[in-house]
C-alpha atoms as a PDB file:
ATOM      1  CA  UNK A   1     -70.012 -15.493 -37.188  1.00  0.00           C
ATOM      2  CA  UNK A   2     -71.440 -16.248 -40.614  1.00  0.00           C
ATOM      3  CA  UNK A   3     -69.769 -18.120 -43.443  1.00  0.00           C
ATOM      4  CA  UNK A   4     -68.592 -14.984 -45.283  1.00  0.00           C
ATOM      5  CA  UNK A   5     -66.925 -13.623 -42.150  1.00  0.00           C
ATOM      6  CA  UNK A   6     -65.127 -16.943 -41.548  1.00  0.00           C
ATOM      7  CA  UNK A   7     -63.763 -16.926 -45.103  1.00  0.00           C
ATOM      8  CA  UNK A   8     -62.448 -13.398 -44.525  1.00  0.00           C
ATOM      9  CA  UNK A   9     -60.461 -14.663 -41.536  1.00  0.00           C
ATOM     10  CA  UNK A  10     -58.759 -17.499 -43.444  1.00  0.00           C
ATOM     11  CA  UNK A  11     -55.043 -17.400 -44.019  1.00  0.00           C
ATOM     12  CA  UNK A  12     -53.736 -17.496 -47.598  1.00  0.00           C
ATOM     13  CA  UNK A  13     -52.777 -21.149 -47.084  1.00  0.00           C
ATOM     14  CA  UNK A  14     -56.224 -22.085 -45.737  1.00  0.00           C
ATOM     15  CA  UNK A  15     -57.845 -20.326 -48.688  1.00  0.00           C
ATOM     16  CA  UNK A  16     -55.577 -22.185 -51.136  1.00  0.00           C
ATOM     17  CA  UNK A  17     -56.595 -25.500 -49.589  1.00  0.00           C
ATOM     18  CA  UNK A  18     -60.299 -24.675 -49.821  1.00  0.00           C
ATOM     19  CA  UNK A  19     -61.830 -27.186 -52.204  1.00  0.00           C
ATOM     20  CA  UNK A  20     -58.582 -29.161 -52.504  1.00  0.00           C
ATOM     21  CA  UNK A  21     -60.441 -32.459 -52.145  1.00  0.00           C
ATOM     22  CA  UNK A  22     -63.288 -31.489 -54.470  1.00  0.00           C
ATOM     23  CA  UNK A  23     -62.111 -29.385 -57.401  1.00  0.00           C
ATOM     24  CA  UNK A  24     -59.499 -29.288 -60.135  1.00  0.00           C
ATOM     25  CA  UNK A  25     -59.020 -26.186 -62.246  1.00  0.00           C
ATOM     26  CA  UNK A  26     -58.572 -26.324 -66.011  1.00  0.00           C
ATOM     27  CA  UNK A  27     -56.903 -23.467 -67.842  1.00  0.00           C
ATOM     28  CA  UNK A  28     -56.049 -23.003 -71.524  1.00  0.00           C
ATOM     29  CA  UNK A  29     -52.299 -22.642 -71.990  1.00  0.00           C
ATOM     30  CA  UNK A  30     -49.863 -22.280 -74.881  1.00  0.00           C
ATOM     31  CA  UNK A  31     -46.662 -24.290 -74.633  1.00  0.00           C
ATOM     32  CA  UNK A  32     -44.061 -24.059 -77.386  1.00  0.00           C
ATOM     33  CA  UNK A  33     -46.678 -22.524 -79.688  1.00  0.00           C
ATOM     34  CA  UNK A  34     -49.208 -25.333 -79.160  1.00  0.00           C
ATOM     35  CA  UNK A  35     -52.499 -24.880 -77.302  1.00  0.00           C
ATOM     36  CA  UNK A  36     -53.267 -27.208 -74.424  1.00  0.00           C
ATOM     37  CA  UNK A  37     -55.258 -27.448 -71.216  1.00  0.00           C
ATOM     38  CA  UNK A  38     -53.476 -27.458 -67.885  1.00  0.00           C
ATOM     39  CA  UNK A  39     -55.065 -29.175 -64.900  1.00  0.00           C
ATOM     40  CA  UNK A  40     -54.285 -27.562 -61.539  1.00  0.00           C
ATOM     41  CA  UNK A  41     -55.042 -28.568 -57.951  1.00  0.00           C
ATOM     42  CA  UNK A  42     -56.873 -26.053 -55.768  1.00  0.00           C
ATOM     43  CA  UNK A  43     -53.537 -24.820 -54.390  1.00  0.00           C
ATOM     44  CA  UNK A  44     -52.319 -23.973 -57.911  1.00  0.00           C
ATOM     45  CA  UNK A  45     -50.045 -26.984 -58.359  1.00  0.00           C
ATOM     46  CA  UNK A  46     -50.027 -28.045 -61.999  1.00  0.00           C
ATOM     47  CA  UNK A  47     -51.001 -31.695 -62.293  1.00  0.00           C
ATOM     48  CA  UNK A  48     -51.065 -32.293 -66.041  1.00  0.00           C
ATOM     49  CA  UNK A  49     -51.292 -30.667 -69.464  1.00  0.00           C
ATOM     50  CA  UNK A  50     -53.469 -32.285 -72.117  1.00  0.00           C
ATOM     51  CA  UNK A  51     -54.028 -31.318 -75.731  1.00  0.00           C
ATOM     52  CA  UNK A  52     -57.828 -31.601 -75.625  1.00  0.00           C
ATOM     53  CA  UNK A  53     -60.261 -29.727 -73.338  1.00  0.00           C
ATOM     54  CA  UNK A  54     -62.812 -32.544 -73.252  1.00  0.00           C
ATOM     55  CA  UNK A  55     -60.076 -35.011 -72.319  1.00  0.00           C
ATOM     56  CA  UNK A  56     -58.916 -32.707 -69.511  1.00  0.00           C
ATOM     57  CA  UNK A  57     -62.455 -32.523 -68.107  1.00  0.00           C
ATOM     58  CA  UNK A  58     -62.937 -36.284 -68.428  1.00  0.00           C
ATOM     59  CA  UNK A  59     -59.613 -36.929 -66.690  1.00  0.00           C
ATOM     60  CA  UNK A  60     -60.589 -34.731 -63.761  1.00  0.00           C
ATOM     61  CA  UNK A  61     -63.996 -36.417 -63.430  1.00  0.00           C
ATOM     62  CA  UNK A  62     -62.374 -39.857 -63.627  1.00  0.00           C
ATOM     63  CA  UNK A  63     -60.519 -38.944 -60.433  1.00  0.00           C
ATOM     64  CA  UNK A  64     -63.790 -38.015 -58.674  1.00  0.00           C
ATOM     65  CA  UNK A  65     -63.119 -34.267 -58.806  1.00  0.00           C
ATOM     66  CA  UNK A  66     -65.282 -31.482 -60.186  1.00  0.00           C
ATOM     67  CA  UNK A  67     -63.614 -29.616 -63.082  1.00  0.00           C
ATOM     68  CA  UNK A  68     -63.747 -25.812 -63.036  1.00  0.00           C
ATOM     69  CA  UNK A  69     -62.692 -23.613 -65.958  1.00  0.00           C
ATOM     70  CA  UNK A  70     -60.263 -20.790 -65.247  1.00  0.00           C
ATOM     71  CA  UNK A  71     -59.880 -17.915 -67.704  1.00  0.00           C
END
């Protein structure tokens, strides 16, 4: 069974945990009319919201994770 086939057999929970130890997702958000950048774990849990994109990326890297932009 190749890698693609194994991914297709993953449960929703297993898929959500994929990359949990390696990645954090950064998404632009608007809260109370102000733009910010939300940091999320691989399972979608919001970790933080910061006002500056560069600061969000630096924060993620400081915790030994790879930041990934989400649109």
